[in-house]
Amino acid sequence: MDLDRDREERVVVLVKALPQPSEKYGETVCCAGVTADRQWKRLFPVRYRHLESDSTFKRWNWLQFRYRMPRSDTRKESCAVQEDSLVVEGTLKERERARLLSPLITSSIQEAADQGQSLTLIRPRNPRFVAVKRTNAELEQAKAAFEKAARQGSLLDKKLAEIKPSPYDFRFRFEDGTGKHDFGNNDWETHAAFFRECNRSSEDEALSWLSATYNETYPRKGMAFVMGNKVRYPKTWLLLGVIRLDHADMAQADLF
């Protein structure tokens, strides 16, 4: 396989995980999406906050990009993205989402692993969103990690606003086809929503808003989790994305 050959792909974005400090890249965001023929693609490394405004993207955007096969990541879904090639090409219509994603749902993380997948979509059963207060030591450690990573950046990189670690560990407790699970929520949108609601009202109101959204609205209307494993620890899976995928739309999709 020619690892140095440029390839092109187009995906609908499902995941923009929390920014992570990186000694090599300064700060990266793990992103993932699905092609029109339902193939998972992991986009990495993406220094999202360094992107020009016309290259920034959000969930449900169609994203065109060039990539090469990564040398240190053998997961079949992984793409070494060329950041300067990212082009946003519209948005997947809401009525088309269930039809595209329904065939990708597995009954459990284990089923996906047994099929050799490193990314999957599941319907959590009995999900419960909780916010666990982080200690001052945990917050200081997280802040120090980003400060250290920022010093690794190139002099040519634009200076980024300091990331403020969330004072809470947002988690989901749920069941799938193999039993009960307790996962930290790495979806960037959840943490961004917390700070947005804090600015609008208060921390207590922000927590109430998140609880109502993830414990009432999403489970009632339809919720799915994007799960992915770690390259160095393939048996360790993470909750990367929390998406609305309405039950009514899924039922309609099954008719086609």
Protein backbone atom coordinates (compact mmCIF):
# COMPACT_ATOMS: atom_id res chain seq x y z
CA MET A 1 0.00 0.00 0.00
CA ASP A 2 1.33 3.43 -0.98
CA LEU A 3 1.13 5.42 2.26
CA ASP A 4 2.38 8.62 0.61
CA ARG A 5 -0.31 8.75 -2.07
CA ASP A 6 -2.84 11.56 -1.68
CA ARG A 7 -6.45 10.45 -1.45
CA GLU A 8 -9.71 12.41 -1.38
CA GLU A 9 -12.80 11.79 0.70
CA ARG A 10 -16.10 13.40 1.60
CA VAL A 11 -17.88 12.77 4.89
CA VAL A 12 -20.75 14.09 6.93
CA VAL A 13 -19.29 15.17 10.27
CA LEU A 14 -20.66 13.38 13.35
CA VAL A 15 -17.90 13.95 15.90
CA LYS A 16 -15.87 16.92 17.10
CA ALA A 17 -14.35 15.72 20.34
CA LEU A 18 -12.90 17.92 23.06
CA PRO A 19 -9.57 19.55 22.19
CA GLN A 20 -6.68 17.56 23.59
CA PRO A 21 -3.18 18.84 24.43
CA SER A 22 -0.51 17.39 22.14
CA GLU A 23 3.26 17.73 22.49
CA LYS A 24 3.67 17.34 18.73
CA TYR A 25 0.80 19.51 17.46
CA GLY A 26 0.07 21.77 20.44
CA GLU A 27 -3.65 21.07 20.47
CA THR A 28 -5.71 18.66 18.39
CA VAL A 29 -9.33 17.66 17.96
CA CYS A 30 -10.36 14.13 17.00
CA CYS A 31 -13.10 14.30 14.38
CA ALA A 32 -15.05 11.54 12.69
CA GLY A 33 -17.69 11.19 10.02
CA VAL A 34 -19.39 8.90 7.56
CA THR A 35 -19.16 8.81 3.77
CA ALA A 36 -22.20 8.73 1.50
CA ASP A 37 -21.69 4.96 1.16
CA ARG A 38 -21.60 4.56 4.95
CA GLN A 39 -17.89 4.16 5.58
CA TRP A 40 -16.51 5.53 8.84
CA LYS A 41 -13.58 7.95 8.62
CA ARG A 42 -11.51 9.30 11.50
CA LEU A 43 -9.89 12.69 10.77
CA PHE A 44 -6.69 13.33 12.66
CA PRO A 45 -4.80 15.42 13.50
CA VAL A 46 -7.07 18.43 13.11
CA ARG A 47 -5.91 21.59 14.88
CA TYR A 48 -9.45 22.90 14.76
CA ARG A 49 -8.91 26.23 16.49
CA HIS A 50 -6.11 27.03 14.04
CA LEU A 51 -8.36 26.63 10.99
CA GLU A 52 -9.35 29.60 8.88
CA SER A 53 -12.99 30.59 9.28
CA ASP A 54 -14.03 29.19 5.89
CA SER A 55 -12.63 25.77 6.85
CA THR A 56 -14.35 25.41 10.23
CA PHE A 57 -17.11 22.87 10.33
CA LYS A 58 -19.79 21.53 12.64
CA ARG A 59 -21.88 18.41 13.05
CA TRP A 60 -23.91 17.43 9.97
CA ASN A 61 -21.71 19.43 7.58
CA TRP A 62 -20.45 17.65 4.49
CA LEU A 63 -16.68 17.96 4.54
CA GLN A 64 -14.32 17.37 1.62
CA PHE A 65 -10.63 16.74 2.36
CA ARG A 66 -7.39 15.15 1.20
CA TYR A 67 -5.52 12.64 3.30
CA ARG A 68 -2.84 9.99 3.39
CA MET A 69 -2.78 6.67 5.15
CA PRO A 70 -1.27 7.18 8.62
CA ARG A 71 1.99 5.42 9.41
CA SER A 72 1.42 4.89 13.11
CA ASP A 73 -2.30 4.07 13.08
CA THR A 74 -3.47 0.83 11.46
CA ARG A 75 -7.16 1.34 12.20
CA LYS A 76 -8.92 1.06 8.85
CA GLU A 77 -11.04 4.16 9.44
CA SER A 78 -8.14 6.51 10.20
CA CYS A 79 -7.04 9.29 7.84
CA ALA A 80 -4.00 11.56 8.18
CA VAL A 81 -5.77 14.75 7.13
CA GLN A 82 -4.18 17.62 5.25
CA GLU A 83 -5.64 20.59 7.08
CA ASP A 84 -5.32 23.02 4.18
CA SER A 85 -7.59 20.82 2.06
CA LEU A 86 -10.68 21.01 4.29
CA VAL A 87 -13.72 22.36 2.44
CA VAL A 88 -17.26 22.58 3.83
CA GLU A 89 -19.87 21.58 1.25
CA GLY A 90 -23.27 22.12 2.77
CA THR A 91 -25.23 20.23 5.41
CA LEU A 92 -26.93 16.84 5.50
CA LYS A 93 -30.67 17.49 5.61
CA GLU A 94 -32.41 16.41 8.78
CA ARG A 95 -34.84 14.14 6.95
CA GLU A 96 -31.90 12.24 5.37
CA ARG A 97 -29.91 11.56 8.54
CA ALA A 98 -31.70 8.45 9.76
CA ARG A 99 -31.60 6.81 6.33
CA LEU A 100 -27.83 7.28 6.14
CA LEU A 101 -27.01 6.25 9.71
CA SER A 102 -29.55 3.54 10.54
CA PRO A 103 -27.51 0.68 8.96
CA LEU A 104 -24.44 1.71 10.99
CA ILE A 105 -25.99 1.09 14.41
CA THR A 106 -24.58 -1.88 16.32
CA SER A 107 -26.14 -3.49 19.36
CA SER A 108 -23.04 -2.94 21.48
CA ILE A 109 -19.45 -1.76 21.55
CA GLN A 110 -18.40 -5.41 21.67
CA GLU A 111 -20.28 -6.19 18.46
CA ALA A 112 -18.40 -3.39 16.71
CA ALA A 113 -15.07 -4.65 18.08
CA ASP A 114 -15.86 -8.20 16.94
CA GLN A 115 -16.44 -6.82 13.44
CA GLY A 116 -13.03 -5.15 13.45
CA GLN A 117 -14.44 -1.63 13.73
CA SER A 118 -12.81 1.18 15.68
CA LEU A 119 -15.83 3.50 15.36
CA THR A 120 -19.49 2.70 15.78
CA LEU A 121 -22.92 4.11 16.52
CA ILE A 122 -25.09 2.68 19.30
CA ARG A 123 -28.51 3.36 20.78
CA PRO A 124 -27.94 3.61 24.56
CA ARG A 125 -30.54 1.98 26.76
CA ASN A 126 -31.60 3.64 30.02
CA PRO A 127 -29.11 6.50 29.61
CA ARG A 128 -28.43 8.77 32.56
CA PHE A 129 -26.41 11.96 32.25
CA VAL A 130 -24.50 13.05 35.37
CA ALA A 131 -22.14 15.91 36.18
CA VAL A 132 -19.39 15.05 38.67
CA LYS A 133 -17.55 18.00 40.25
CA ARG A 134 -13.82 17.94 39.50
CA THR A 135 -11.31 18.65 42.25
CA ASN A 136 -9.10 21.73 42.19
CA ALA A 137 -6.11 19.45 41.64
CA GLU A 138 -7.77 17.90 38.57
CA LEU A 139 -8.57 21.33 37.14
CA GLU A 140 -5.04 22.59 37.69
CA GLN A 141 -3.61 19.49 36.05
CA ALA A 142 -5.83 19.96 32.99
CA LYS A 143 -4.95 23.64 32.74
CA ALA A 144 -1.22 22.91 33.04
CA ALA A 145 -1.43 20.31 30.26
CA PHE A 146 -2.91 22.85 27.82
CA GLU A 147 -0.42 25.51 28.83
CA LYS A 148 2.43 23.09 28.16
CA ALA A 149 0.96 22.08 24.82
CA ALA A 150 0.57 25.72 23.80
CA ARG A 151 4.30 26.19 24.23
CA GLN A 152 4.91 23.41 21.71
CA GLY A 153 3.26 25.34 18.88
CA SER A 154 5.12 26.89 16.00
CA LEU A 155 5.95 30.60 16.02
CA LEU A 156 3.92 30.79 12.80
CA ASP A 157 0.77 29.51 14.51
CA LYS A 158 -1.82 32.04 15.57
CA LYS A 159 -2.15 32.57 19.32
CA LEU A 160 -5.20 30.80 20.67
CA ALA A 161 -7.45 31.84 23.51
CA GLU A 162 -6.70 29.86 26.64
CA ILE A 163 -8.89 26.81 27.07
CA LYS A 164 -10.83 26.83 30.32
CA PRO A 165 -11.26 23.26 31.59
CA SER A 166 -14.79 22.38 32.57
CA PRO A 167 -15.28 22.23 36.35
CA TYR A 168 -17.34 19.07 35.84
CA ASP A 169 -16.72 15.62 34.49
CA PHE A 170 -19.79 15.06 32.31
CA ARG A 171 -20.65 11.36 32.13
CA PHE A 172 -23.23 8.96 30.74
CA ARG A 173 -24.29 5.78 32.47
CA PHE A 174 -26.15 3.48 30.12
CA GLU A 175 -26.65 -0.06 28.86
CA ASP A 176 -25.99 -1.69 25.51
CA GLY A 177 -26.26 -5.28 24.30
CA THR A 178 -23.51 -6.47 26.62
CA GLY A 179 -24.49 -4.72 29.84
CA LYS A 180 -23.94 -1.56 31.84
CA HIS A 181 -21.36 1.14 31.10
CA ASP A 182 -20.10 4.41 32.59
CA PHE A 183 -18.31 6.70 30.12
CA GLY A 184 -16.96 10.21 30.24
CA ASN A 185 -18.54 12.42 27.60
CA ASN A 186 -15.87 13.69 25.19
CA ASP A 187 -18.31 15.53 22.92
CA TRP A 188 -17.11 19.13 22.57
CA GLU A 189 -20.67 20.40 22.09
CA THR A 190 -21.68 19.37 25.61
CA HIS A 191 -18.87 21.32 27.25
CA ALA A 192 -19.43 24.31 24.96
CA ALA A 193 -23.14 24.28 25.84
CA PHE A 194 -22.30 24.29 29.55
CA PHE A 195 -20.20 27.45 29.27
CA ARG A 196 -22.76 29.07 26.95
CA GLU A 197 -25.56 28.51 29.45
CA CYS A 198 -23.33 29.67 32.33
CA ASN A 199 -22.80 32.96 30.51
CA ARG A 200 -26.52 33.32 29.90
CA SER A 201 -27.61 32.60 33.47
CA SER A 202 -25.69 30.65 36.11
CA GLU A 203 -23.81 27.41 36.68
CA ASP A 204 -26.83 25.83 38.38
CA GLU A 205 -29.06 26.80 35.46
CA ALA A 206 -26.50 25.41 33.01
CA LEU A 207 -26.48 22.06 34.80
CA SER A 208 -30.29 22.01 34.84
CA TRP A 209 -30.34 22.72 31.11
CA LEU A 210 -27.93 19.88 30.37
CA SER A 211 -29.86 17.47 32.56
CA ALA A 212 -33.16 18.34 30.88
CA THR A 213 -31.58 17.99 27.44
CA TYR A 214 -29.78 14.68 27.98
CA ASN A 215 -32.05 13.01 30.54
CA GLU A 216 -35.41 14.03 29.09
CA THR A 217 -35.48 15.54 25.59
CA TYR A 218 -32.85 13.43 23.84
CA PRO A 219 -33.92 10.04 25.27
CA ARG A 220 -37.58 10.80 24.51
CA LYS A 221 -37.01 11.91 20.93
CA GLY A 222 -34.03 9.72 20.08
CA MET A 223 -30.34 9.68 21.02
CA ALA A 224 -27.29 7.88 19.69
CA PHE A 225 -23.67 7.68 20.83
CA VAL A 226 -20.63 7.64 18.57
CA MET A 227 -18.07 5.37 20.19
CA GLY A 228 -14.42 4.98 19.20
CA ASN A 229 -11.40 3.14 20.52
CA LYS A 230 -7.85 4.29 21.26
CA VAL A 231 -5.03 3.59 18.84
CA ARG A 232 -2.61 2.45 21.57
CA TYR A 233 -5.25 0.67 23.64
CA PRO A 234 -7.75 -0.79 21.15
CA LYS A 235 -9.80 -2.45 23.88
CA THR A 236 -10.41 0.93 25.51
CA TRP A 237 -13.37 2.77 24.00
CA LEU A 238 -14.46 6.39 24.40
CA LEU A 239 -17.78 8.18 24.04
CA LEU A 240 -16.90 10.70 21.33
CA GLY A 241 -20.22 12.14 20.22
CA VAL A 242 -23.81 12.51 21.43
CA ILE A 243 -26.27 13.07 18.61
CA ARG A 244 -30.00 13.46 18.12
CA LEU A 245 -31.36 10.70 15.90
CA ASP A 246 -35.10 10.70 16.21
CA HIS A 247 -36.95 7.42 16.74
CA ALA A 248 -39.69 8.47 14.31
CA ASP A 249 -37.13 9.17 11.58
CA MET A 250 -35.44 5.82 12.20
CA ALA A 251 -38.74 3.98 11.88
CA GLN A 252 -39.39 5.76 8.60
CA ALA A 253 -35.88 4.90 7.40
CA ASP A 254 -36.54 1.19 8.00
CA LEU A 255 -39.32 1.32 5.41
CA PHE A 256 -36.85 2.01 2.60
